[in-house]
Amino acid sequence: MSLFLQQWRGELLKLFARRRTYIGFGAFLLLEIVLLVVFRLQGVERIFERLISRQGQAFSEYYSALTLAQMILGFSVLILGAIYLALVAGDIVAKEGEDGHYRLLLVRPVSRVRLLLIKYLTCLGYTVVLVQFIAWSAFALGVAIKGWGGGFFAMAPEVGLLVFYEWGAGMAKFASASLFLALAMTVVSSIAFFLSCFPIKPSAATIGALSYVLIDMILRNTGFMESYDHLLLTKHMAAWARVLAEDVAWPVVIRSFAVIAAVNASLFVLGAAVFESRDLKS
């Protein structure tokens, strides 16, 4: 077990030694700054003021750092986050295959499944780190602009959520929701990782994963699959926002994340089967 952890640590160090790994962090930091500047515009603030005031709450109290951070998460992570997760996960297997590194790696007494599992866990770790960075950097920038304290106005139209919390309870809800969002985004990494196991270019794996996610999202938003939306992954990914509700519908949340876990496991097994069948030594 200790050897496995050392190998996983080495894979993580190798991932975070690459410059392209940090593109997502920089892009999101820039996006957060732009969005927070936009949110400060008078016209935009009036929109949020009307939303909060219609619920009988004070705008000055609930237009806080937590509210701004949750809005940034809702607006950006699913689309922009998918790009950088697919970029890393689509590269992690295919790139080394393209460079011929497996000829050297597989000389050692290590199974292909073990090698893939280490790389897959690295992708999942990167997913959690990136989403948590987005969540808490957005919160830190919000605190820099709005200061500490206030209420939390949580809004998620995709699940019909509109709720208010005090600061302490809001912090707990925001933290738990960011964790569930990270778990939801692992399915994007799993799709890209699965495609990366095929003998294709890293860019093809990345584009293929993004195409699937975008098509899934379009089908869900257009309503064409309304009767079959349980077959769409983005439907289950949106369950992270349900954690923000005052009374969480845990059966619905657990069902959606069970689907995500099953999809992740299936994609890893299928990817391992494809990788096992490849001729990597000739």
C-alpha atoms as a PDB file:
ATOM      1  CA  MET A   1       0.000   0.000   0.000  1.00  0.00           C
ATOM      2  CA  SER A   2       2.842   2.377   0.858  1.00  0.00           C
ATOM      3  CA  LEU A   3       4.420   1.704  -2.544  1.00  0.00           C
ATOM      4  CA  PHE A   4       1.120   2.483  -4.259  1.00  0.00           C
ATOM      5  CA  LEU A   5       0.885   5.790  -2.388  1.00  0.00           C
ATOM      6  CA  GLN A   6       4.454   6.641  -3.364  1.00  0.00           C
ATOM      7  CA  GLN A   7       3.659   5.946  -7.005  1.00  0.00           C
ATOM      8  CA  TRP A   8       0.518   8.075  -6.787  1.00  0.00           C
ATOM      9  CA  ARG A   9       2.518  10.877  -5.162  1.00  0.00           C
ATOM     10  CA  GLY A  10       5.053  10.661  -7.992  1.00  0.00           C
ATOM     11  CA  GLU A  11       2.287  10.884 -10.596  1.00  0.00           C
ATOM     12  CA  LEU A  12       0.794  13.924  -8.847  1.00  0.00           C
ATOM     13  CA  LEU A  13       4.190  15.613  -8.734  1.00  0.00           C
ATOM     14  CA  LYS A  14       4.672  14.871 -12.423  1.00  0.00           C
ATOM     15  CA  LEU A  15       1.258  16.340 -13.247  1.00  0.00           C
ATOM     16  CA  PHE A  16       1.763  19.532 -11.263  1.00  0.00           C
ATOM     17  CA  ALA A  17       5.277  19.972 -12.679  1.00  0.00           C
ATOM     18  CA  ARG A  18       3.744  20.645 -16.112  1.00  0.00           C
ATOM     19  CA  ARG A  19       2.961  24.243 -16.942  1.00  0.00           C
ATOM     20  CA  ARG A  20      -0.241  23.381 -18.801  1.00  0.00           C
ATOM     21  CA  THR A  21      -1.683  22.026 -15.536  1.00  0.00           C
ATOM     22  CA  TYR A  22      -1.931  25.578 -14.205  1.00  0.00           C
ATOM     23  CA  ILE A  23      -3.722  27.053 -17.227  1.00  0.00           C
ATOM     24  CA  GLY A  24      -7.097  26.331 -15.625  1.00  0.00           C
ATOM     25  CA  PHE A  25      -6.118  27.984 -12.341  1.00  0.00           C
ATOM     26  CA  GLY A  26      -4.973  31.148 -14.106  1.00  0.00           C
ATOM     27  CA  ALA A  27      -7.972  31.253 -16.433  1.00  0.00           C
ATOM     28  CA  PHE A  28     -10.450  30.937 -13.587  1.00  0.00           C
ATOM     29  CA  LEU A  29      -8.686  33.543 -11.490  1.00  0.00           C
ATOM     30  CA  LEU A  30      -8.920  35.960 -14.403  1.00  0.00           C
ATOM     31  CA  LEU A  31     -12.574  35.045 -14.986  1.00  0.00           C
ATOM     32  CA  GLU A  32     -13.416  35.588 -11.327  1.00  0.00           C
ATOM     33  CA  ILE A  33     -11.860  39.049 -11.373  1.00  0.00           C
ATOM     34  CA  VAL A  34     -13.810  39.959 -14.522  1.00  0.00           C
ATOM     35  CA  LEU A  35     -17.109  38.612 -13.144  1.00  0.00           C
ATOM     36  CA  LEU A  36     -16.681  40.382  -9.815  1.00  0.00           C
ATOM     37  CA  VAL A  37     -16.029  43.642 -11.650  1.00  0.00           C
ATOM     38  CA  VAL A  38     -19.158  43.040 -13.752  1.00  0.00           C
ATOM     39  CA  PHE A  39     -21.197  42.221 -10.639  1.00  0.00           C
ATOM     40  CA  ARG A  40     -20.141  45.588  -9.215  1.00  0.00           C
ATOM     41  CA  LEU A  41     -21.705  47.475 -12.119  1.00  0.00           C
ATOM     42  CA  GLN A  42     -24.797  49.403 -11.110  1.00  0.00           C
ATOM     43  CA  GLY A  43     -27.078  47.773 -13.667  1.00  0.00           C
ATOM     44  CA  VAL A  44     -26.083  44.262 -12.605  1.00  0.00           C
ATOM     45  CA  GLU A  45     -26.452  45.062  -8.917  1.00  0.00           C
ATOM     46  CA  ARG A  46     -29.989  46.295  -9.542  1.00  0.00           C
ATOM     47  CA  ILE A  47     -30.931  42.909 -10.991  1.00  0.00           C
ATOM     48  CA  PHE A  48     -29.752  41.133  -7.859  1.00  0.00           C
ATOM     49  CA  GLU A  49     -31.331  43.823  -5.691  1.00  0.00           C
ATOM     50  CA  ARG A  50     -34.730  43.123  -7.270  1.00  0.00           C
ATOM     51  CA  LEU A  51     -34.298  39.373  -6.824  1.00  0.00           C
ATOM     52  CA  ILE A  52     -33.424  39.719  -3.142  1.00  0.00           C
ATOM     53  CA  SER A  53     -35.946  42.443  -2.373  1.00  0.00           C
ATOM     54  CA  ARG A  54     -38.828  40.450  -3.891  1.00  0.00           C
ATOM     55  CA  GLN A  55     -38.158  37.791  -1.279  1.00  0.00           C
ATOM     56  CA  GLY A  56     -38.493  40.376   1.506  1.00  0.00           C
ATOM     57  CA  GLN A  57     -34.796  40.420   2.383  1.00  0.00           C
ATOM     58  CA  ALA A  58     -32.266  43.261   2.660  1.00  0.00           C
ATOM     59  CA  PHE A  59     -30.014  43.589  -0.384  1.00  0.00           C
ATOM     60  CA  SER A  60     -27.126  45.078   1.616  1.00  0.00           C
ATOM     61  CA  GLU A  61     -27.169  42.081   3.962  1.00  0.00           C
ATOM     62  CA  TYR A  62     -27.374  39.225   1.453  1.00  0.00           C
ATOM     63  CA  TYR A  63     -25.297  40.574  -1.440  1.00  0.00           C
ATOM     64  CA  SER A  64     -22.176  39.215   0.232  1.00  0.00           C
ATOM     65  CA  ALA A  65     -18.929  37.421  -0.548  1.00  0.00           C
ATOM     66  CA  LEU A  66     -20.654  34.047  -0.240  1.00  0.00           C
ATOM     67  CA  THR A  67     -23.398  35.102  -2.650  1.00  0.00           C
ATOM     68  CA  LEU A  68     -20.883  36.322  -5.221  1.00  0.00           C
ATOM     69  CA  ALA A  69     -18.775  33.156  -4.914  1.00  0.00           C
ATOM     70  CA  GLN A  70     -21.794  30.867  -5.416  1.00  0.00           C
ATOM     71  CA  MET A  71     -22.892  32.835  -8.466  1.00  0.00           C
ATOM     72  CA  ILE A  72     -19.438  32.467 -10.008  1.00  0.00           C
ATOM     73  CA  LEU A  73     -19.541  28.711  -9.396  1.00  0.00           C
ATOM     74  CA  GLY A  74     -22.962  28.399 -10.980  1.00  0.00           C
ATOM     75  CA  PHE A  75     -22.088  30.519 -14.012  1.00  0.00           C
ATOM     76  CA  SER A  76     -18.691  29.143 -14.954  1.00  0.00           C
ATOM     77  CA  VAL A  77     -17.593  25.799 -13.559  1.00  0.00           C
ATOM     78  CA  LEU A  78     -19.649  23.402 -15.668  1.00  0.00           C
ATOM     79  CA  ILE A  79     -18.601  24.874 -19.024  1.00  0.00           C
ATOM     80  CA  LEU A  80     -15.182  26.441 -18.461  1.00  0.00           C
ATOM     81  CA  GLY A  81     -14.171  23.881 -15.844  1.00  0.00           C
ATOM     82  CA  ALA A  82     -14.967  21.044 -18.243  1.00  0.00           C
ATOM     83  CA  ILE A  83     -12.440  22.474 -20.725  1.00  0.00           C
ATOM     84  CA  TYR A  84      -9.476  22.310 -18.365  1.00  0.00           C
ATOM     85  CA  LEU A  85     -10.469  19.014 -16.763  1.00  0.00           C
ATOM     86  CA  ALA A  86     -10.787  17.425 -20.202  1.00  0.00           C
ATOM     87  CA  LEU A  87      -7.457  18.969 -21.211  1.00  0.00           C
ATOM     88  CA  VAL A  88      -5.615  17.313 -18.321  1.00  0.00           C
ATOM     89  CA  ALA A  89      -7.483  13.979 -18.250  1.00  0.00           C
ATOM     90  CA  GLY A  90      -7.385  13.630 -22.033  1.00  0.00           C
ATOM     91  CA  ASP A  91      -3.634  14.142 -21.978  1.00  0.00           C
ATOM     92  CA  ILE A  92      -2.592  11.980 -19.041  1.00  0.00           C
ATOM     93  CA  VAL A  93      -2.642   8.604 -20.826  1.00  0.00           C
ATOM     94  CA  ALA A  94      -2.606   9.515 -24.515  1.00  0.00           C
ATOM     95  CA  LYS A  95       0.393  11.852 -24.261  1.00  0.00           C
ATOM     96  CA  GLU A  96       2.701   9.241 -22.774  1.00  0.00           C
ATOM     97  CA  GLY A  97       1.491   6.727 -25.346  1.00  0.00           C
ATOM     98  CA  GLU A  98       2.232   9.228 -28.113  1.00  0.00           C
ATOM     99  CA  ASP A  99       5.722   9.860 -26.709  1.00  0.00           C
ATOM    100  CA  GLY A 100       6.445   6.134 -26.333  1.00  0.00           C
ATOM    101  CA  HIS A 101       6.983   6.276 -22.565  1.00  0.00           C
ATOM    102  CA  TYR A 102       5.034   3.064 -21.923  1.00  0.00           C
ATOM    103  CA  ARG A 103       7.767   0.996 -23.561  1.00  0.00           C
ATOM    104  CA  LEU A 104       9.994   2.002 -20.660  1.00  0.00           C
ATOM    105  CA  LEU A 105       7.342   1.994 -17.919  1.00  0.00           C
ATOM    106  CA  LEU A 106       6.068  -1.491 -18.716  1.00  0.00           C
ATOM    107  CA  VAL A 107       9.567  -2.968 -18.524  1.00  0.00           C
ATOM    108  CA  ARG A 108       9.106  -2.780 -14.762  1.00  0.00           C
ATOM    109  CA  PRO A 109       6.955  -5.396 -12.963  1.00  0.00           C
ATOM    110  CA  VAL A 110       3.797  -3.257 -12.793  1.00  0.00           C
ATOM    111  CA  SER A 111       0.422  -4.174 -14.261  1.00  0.00           C
ATOM    112  CA  ARG A 112      -1.298  -1.938 -16.769  1.00  0.00           C
ATOM    113  CA  VAL A 113      -4.374  -1.728 -14.536  1.00  0.00           C
ATOM    114  CA  ARG A 114      -2.279  -0.490 -11.610  1.00  0.00           C
ATOM    115  CA  LEU A 115      -0.627   2.078 -13.855  1.00  0.00           C
ATOM    116  CA  LEU A 116      -4.002   3.284 -15.115  1.00  0.00           C
ATOM    117  CA  LEU A 117      -5.500   3.377 -11.617  1.00  0.00           C
ATOM    118  CA  ILE A 118      -2.707   5.668 -10.427  1.00  0.00           C
ATOM    119  CA  LYS A 119      -3.263   7.970 -13.385  1.00  0.00           C
ATOM    120  CA  TYR A 120      -7.046   7.917 -12.902  1.00  0.00           C
ATOM    121  CA  LEU A 121      -6.758   8.803  -9.218  1.00  0.00           C
ATOM    122  CA  THR A 122      -4.434  11.628 -10.237  1.00  0.00           C
ATOM    123  CA  CYS A 123      -7.153  12.973 -12.555  1.00  0.00           C
ATOM    124  CA  LEU A 124      -9.710  12.795  -9.746  1.00  0.00           C
ATOM    125  CA  GLY A 125      -7.312  14.568  -7.383  1.00  0.00           C
ATOM    126  CA  TYR A 126      -6.740  17.318  -9.922  1.00  0.00           C
ATOM    127  CA  THR A 127     -10.512  17.712 -10.346  1.00  0.00           C
ATOM    128  CA  VAL A 128     -11.067  18.206  -6.628  1.00  0.00           C
ATOM    129  CA  VAL A 129      -8.121  20.612  -6.315  1.00  0.00           C
ATOM    130  CA  LEU A 130      -9.227  22.740  -9.285  1.00  0.00           C
ATOM    131  CA  VAL A 131     -12.870  23.039  -8.172  1.00  0.00           C
ATOM    132  CA  GLN A 132     -11.890  23.828  -4.587  1.00  0.00           C
ATOM    133  CA  PHE A 133      -9.460  26.452  -5.853  1.00  0.00           C
ATOM    134  CA  ILE A 134     -12.243  28.035  -7.916  1.00  0.00           C
ATOM    135  CA  ALA A 135     -14.655  28.018  -4.981  1.00  0.00           C
ATOM    136  CA  TRP A 136     -12.379  29.479  -2.363  1.00  0.00           C
ATOM    137  CA  SER A 137     -10.480  31.916  -4.591  1.00  0.00           C
ATOM    138  CA  ALA A 138     -13.878  33.319  -5.637  1.00  0.00           C
ATOM    139  CA  PHE A 139     -14.809  33.570  -1.974  1.00  0.00           C
ATOM    140  CA  ALA A 140     -11.508  35.293  -1.111  1.00  0.00           C
ATOM    141  CA  LEU A 141     -11.988  37.852  -3.890  1.00  0.00           C
ATOM    142  CA  GLY A 142     -15.557  38.373  -2.708  1.00  0.00           C
ATOM    143  CA  VAL A 143     -14.323  39.049   0.821  1.00  0.00           C
ATOM    144  CA  ALA A 144     -11.799  41.531  -0.584  1.00  0.00           C
ATOM    145  CA  ILE A 145     -14.654  43.423  -2.276  1.00  0.00           C
ATOM    146  CA  LYS A 146     -17.611  42.988   0.095  1.00  0.00           C
ATOM    147  CA  GLY A 147     -15.840  42.241   3.363  1.00  0.00           C
ATOM    148  CA  TRP A 148     -16.421  39.499   5.921  1.00  0.00           C
ATOM    149  CA  GLY A 149     -19.914  38.713   7.136  1.00  0.00           C
ATOM    150  CA  GLY A 150     -23.440  39.206   5.921  1.00  0.00           C
ATOM    151  CA  GLY A 151     -25.944  36.653   4.676  1.00  0.00           C
ATOM    152  CA  PHE A 152     -25.912  34.071   1.919  1.00  0.00           C
ATOM    153  CA  PHE A 153     -28.362  34.264  -0.976  1.00  0.00           C
ATOM    154  CA  ALA A 154     -28.166  30.896  -2.765  1.00  0.00           C
ATOM    155  CA  MET A 155     -29.751  30.756  -6.203  1.00  0.00           C
ATOM    156  CA  ALA A 156     -29.759  27.745  -8.561  1.00  0.00           C
ATOM    157  CA  PRO A 157     -32.454  28.069 -11.256  1.00  0.00           C
ATOM    158  CA  GLU A 158     -31.649  24.648 -12.750  1.00  0.00           C
ATOM    159  CA  VAL A 159     -33.020  22.947  -9.616  1.00  0.00           C
ATOM    160  CA  GLY A 160     -35.531  25.676  -8.647  1.00  0.00           C
ATOM    161  CA  LEU A 161     -33.553  26.839  -5.612  1.00  0.00           C
ATOM    162  CA  LEU A 162     -33.848  30.242  -3.953  1.00  0.00           C
ATOM    163  CA  VAL A 163     -32.882  30.338  -0.273  1.00  0.00           C
ATOM    164  CA  PHE A 164     -31.322  32.646   2.339  1.00  0.00           C
ATOM    165  CA  TYR A 165     -28.889  31.805   5.162  1.00  0.00           C
ATOM    166  CA  GLU A 166     -27.047  33.588   7.904  1.00  0.00           C
ATOM    167  CA  TRP A 167     -23.250  33.779   7.548  1.00  0.00           C
ATOM    168  CA  GLY A 168     -22.317  30.726   9.634  1.00  0.00           C
ATOM    169  CA  ALA A 169     -24.900  28.407   8.120  1.00  0.00           C
ATOM    170  CA  GLY A 170     -24.124  29.828   4.688  1.00  0.00           C
ATOM    171  CA  MET A 171     -20.416  29.023   5.041  1.00  0.00           C
ATOM    172  CA  ALA A 172     -21.248  25.406   5.893  1.00  0.00           C
ATOM    173  CA  LYS A 173     -23.637  25.119   2.934  1.00  0.00           C
ATOM    174  CA  PHE A 174     -21.144  26.701   0.540  1.00  0.00           C
ATOM    175  CA  ALA A 175     -18.334  24.378   1.671  1.00  0.00           C
ATOM    176  CA  SER A 176     -20.443  21.232   1.324  1.00  0.00           C
ATOM    177  CA  ALA A 177     -21.840  22.327  -2.050  1.00  0.00           C
ATOM    178  CA  SER A 178     -18.326  23.000  -3.402  1.00  0.00           C
ATOM    179  CA  LEU A 179     -17.302  19.483  -2.398  1.00  0.00           C
ATOM    180  CA  PHE A 180     -20.321  17.941  -4.138  1.00  0.00           C
ATOM    181  CA  LEU A 181     -19.592  20.067  -7.203  1.00  0.00           C
ATOM    182  CA  ALA A 182     -16.054  18.661  -7.303  1.00  0.00           C
ATOM    183  CA  LEU A 183     -17.461  15.130  -7.130  1.00  0.00           C
ATOM    184  CA  ALA A 184     -19.927  15.933  -9.922  1.00  0.00           C
ATOM    185  CA  MET A 185     -17.163  17.243 -12.175  1.00  0.00           C
ATOM    186  CA  THR A 186     -15.228  13.963 -11.869  1.00  0.00           C
ATOM    187  CA  VAL A 187     -17.481  12.532 -14.572  1.00  0.00           C
ATOM    188  CA  VAL A 188     -15.962  14.983 -17.094  1.00  0.00           C
ATOM    189  CA  SER A 189     -12.474  13.796 -16.149  1.00  0.00           C
ATOM    190  CA  SER A 190     -13.645  10.175 -16.441  1.00  0.00           C
ATOM    191  CA  ILE A 191     -14.948  10.673 -19.985  1.00  0.00           C
ATOM    192  CA  ALA A 192     -11.698  12.316 -21.096  1.00  0.00           C
ATOM    193  CA  PHE A 193      -9.633   9.652 -19.322  1.00  0.00           C
ATOM    194  CA  PHE A 194     -11.618   6.871 -21.025  1.00  0.00           C
ATOM    195  CA  LEU A 195     -11.034   8.379 -24.462  1.00  0.00           C
ATOM    196  CA  SER A 196      -7.371   8.909 -23.603  1.00  0.00           C
ATOM    197  CA  CYS A 197      -6.957   5.132 -23.241  1.00  0.00           C
ATOM    198  CA  PHE A 198      -7.552   4.703 -26.978  1.00  0.00           C
ATOM    199  CA  PRO A 199      -4.657   5.025 -29.456  1.00  0.00           C
ATOM    200  CA  ILE A 200      -5.558   8.609 -30.360  1.00  0.00           C
ATOM    201  CA  LYS A 201      -4.022  12.050 -30.013  1.00  0.00           C
ATOM    202  CA  PRO A 202      -4.457  13.828 -26.646  1.00  0.00           C
ATOM    203  CA  SER A 203      -6.284  16.659 -28.431  1.00  0.00           C
ATOM    204  CA  ALA A 204      -8.785  14.160 -29.874  1.00  0.00           C
ATOM    205  CA  ALA A 205      -9.549  12.794 -26.385  1.00  0.00           C
ATOM    206  CA  THR A 206     -10.024  16.329 -25.053  1.00  0.00           C
ATOM    207  CA  ILE A 207     -12.279  17.428 -27.908  1.00  0.00           C
ATOM    208  CA  GLY A 208     -14.285  14.203 -27.730  1.00  0.00           C
ATOM    209  CA  ALA A 209     -14.976  14.627 -24.009  1.00  0.00           C
ATOM    210  CA  LEU A 210     -15.938  18.291 -24.411  1.00  0.00           C
ATOM    211  CA  SER A 211     -18.196  17.454 -27.341  1.00  0.00           C
ATOM    212  CA  TYR A 212     -20.067  14.864 -25.284  1.00  0.00           C
ATOM    213  CA  VAL A 213     -20.556  17.231 -22.347  1.00  0.00           C
ATOM    214  CA  LEU A 214     -21.730  20.098 -24.580  1.00  0.00           C
ATOM    215  CA  ILE A 215     -24.149  17.873 -26.522  1.00  0.00           C
ATOM    216  CA  ASP A 216     -25.511  16.513 -23.250  1.00  0.00           C
ATOM    217  CA  MET A 217     -25.977  20.061 -21.937  1.00  0.00           C
ATOM    218  CA  ILE A 218     -27.656  21.281 -25.130  1.00  0.00           C
ATOM    219  CA  LEU A 219     -30.105  18.377 -25.150  1.00  0.00           C
ATOM    220  CA  ARG A 220     -31.003  19.092 -21.527  1.00  0.00           C
ATOM    221  CA  ASN A 221     -31.455  22.846 -21.983  1.00  0.00           C
ATOM    222  CA  THR A 222     -33.516  22.584 -25.176  1.00  0.00           C
ATOM    223  CA  GLY A 223     -36.033  20.280 -23.520  1.00  0.00           C
ATOM    224  CA  PHE A 224     -35.917  17.652 -26.287  1.00  0.00           C
ATOM    225  CA  MET A 225     -35.028  15.004 -23.711  1.00  0.00           C
ATOM    226  CA  GLU A 226     -37.414  16.150 -20.996  1.00  0.00           C
ATOM    227  CA  SER A 227     -39.002  12.712 -20.661  1.00  0.00           C
ATOM    228  CA  TYR A 228     -35.589  11.030 -20.684  1.00  0.00           C
ATOM    229  CA  ASP A 229     -33.453  13.582 -18.870  1.00  0.00           C
ATOM    230  CA  HIS A 230     -32.419  10.909 -16.359  1.00  0.00           C
ATOM    231  CA  LEU A 231     -30.183   9.612 -19.165  1.00  0.00           C
ATOM    232  CA  LEU A 232     -28.284  12.905 -19.365  1.00  0.00           C
ATOM    233  CA  LEU A 233     -25.187  13.271 -17.218  1.00  0.00           C
ATOM    234  CA  THR A 234     -25.569  17.023 -16.801  1.00  0.00           C
ATOM    235  CA  LYS A 235     -28.954  16.356 -15.153  1.00  0.00           C
ATOM    236  CA  HIS A 236     -27.207  14.334 -12.453  1.00  0.00           C
ATOM    237  CA  MET A 237     -24.276  16.738 -12.230  1.00  0.00           C
ATOM    238  CA  ALA A 238     -26.689  19.564 -11.389  1.00  0.00           C
ATOM    239  CA  ALA A 239     -27.633  17.711  -8.190  1.00  0.00           C
ATOM    240  CA  TRP A 240     -24.704  19.424  -6.429  1.00  0.00           C
ATOM    241  CA  ALA A 241     -26.844  22.575  -6.155  1.00  0.00           C
ATOM    242  CA  ARG A 242     -29.525  20.679  -4.223  1.00  0.00           C
ATOM    243  CA  VAL A 243     -27.116  20.513  -1.290  1.00  0.00           C
ATOM    244  CA  LEU A 244     -27.666  24.273  -0.891  1.00  0.00           C
ATOM    245  CA  ALA A 245     -31.348  23.728  -0.031  1.00  0.00           C
ATOM    246  CA  GLU A 246     -32.498  24.198   3.539  1.00  0.00           C
ATOM    247  CA  ASP A 247     -34.071  20.734   3.540  1.00  0.00           C
ATOM    248  CA  VAL A 248     -31.842  18.683   1.267  1.00  0.00           C
ATOM    249  CA  ALA A 249     -33.614  16.022  -0.799  1.00  0.00           C
ATOM    250  CA  TRP A 250     -30.975  13.439   0.010  1.00  0.00           C
ATOM    251  CA  PRO A 251     -32.630  10.544  -1.878  1.00  0.00           C
ATOM    252  CA  VAL A 252     -32.439  12.605  -5.096  1.00  0.00           C
ATOM    253  CA  VAL A 253     -28.852  13.699  -4.402  1.00  0.00           C
ATOM    254  CA  ILE A 254     -27.705  10.181  -3.517  1.00  0.00           C
ATOM    255  CA  ARG A 255     -29.384   8.739  -6.610  1.00  0.00           C
ATOM    256  CA  SER A 256     -27.676  11.250  -8.914  1.00  0.00           C
ATOM    257  CA  PHE A 257     -24.250  10.753  -7.367  1.00  0.00           C
ATOM    258  CA  ALA A 258     -24.698   6.991  -7.443  1.00  0.00           C
ATOM    259  CA  VAL A 259     -25.226   7.334 -11.208  1.00  0.00           C
ATOM    260  CA  ILE A 260     -22.085   9.470 -11.467  1.00  0.00           C
ATOM    261  CA  ALA A 261     -20.088   6.920  -9.436  1.00  0.00           C
ATOM    262  CA  ALA A 262     -21.381   4.080 -11.629  1.00  0.00           C
ATOM    263  CA  VAL A 263     -20.483   5.976 -14.813  1.00  0.00           C
ATOM    264  CA  ASN A 264     -17.001   6.731 -13.455  1.00  0.00           C
ATOM    265  CA  ALA A 265     -16.383   3.092 -12.530  1.00  0.00           C
ATOM    266  CA  SER A 266     -17.714   1.846 -15.883  1.00  0.00           C
ATOM    267  CA  LEU A 267     -15.550   4.260 -17.856  1.00  0.00           C
ATOM    268  CA  PHE A 268     -12.447   3.254 -15.918  1.00  0.00           C
ATOM    269  CA  VAL A 269     -13.109  -0.469 -16.449  1.00  0.00           C
ATOM    270  CA  LEU A 270     -13.795   0.032 -20.172  1.00  0.00           C
ATOM    271  CA  GLY A 271     -10.737   2.242 -20.523  1.00  0.00           C
ATOM    272  CA  ALA A 272      -8.582  -0.367 -18.776  1.00  0.00           C
ATOM    273  CA  ALA A 273      -9.939  -3.059 -21.114  1.00  0.00           C
ATOM    274  CA  VAL A 274      -9.032  -0.949 -24.148  1.00  0.00           C
ATOM    275  CA  PHE A 275      -5.590  -0.153 -22.736  1.00  0.00           C
ATOM    276  CA  GLU A 276      -4.910  -3.846 -21.998  1.00  0.00           C
ATOM    277  CA  SER A 277      -5.619  -4.750 -25.609  1.00  0.00           C
ATOM    278  CA  ARG A 278      -3.178  -2.226 -27.062  1.00  0.00           C
ATOM    279  CA  ASP A 279       0.276  -3.147 -28.341  1.00  0.00           C
ATOM    280  CA  LEU A 280       2.518  -0.680 -26.491  1.00  0.00           C
ATOM    281  CA  LYS A 281       5.864  -2.454 -26.673  1.00  0.00           C
ATOM    282  CA  SER A 282       6.463  -2.818 -30.403  1.00  0.00           C
END
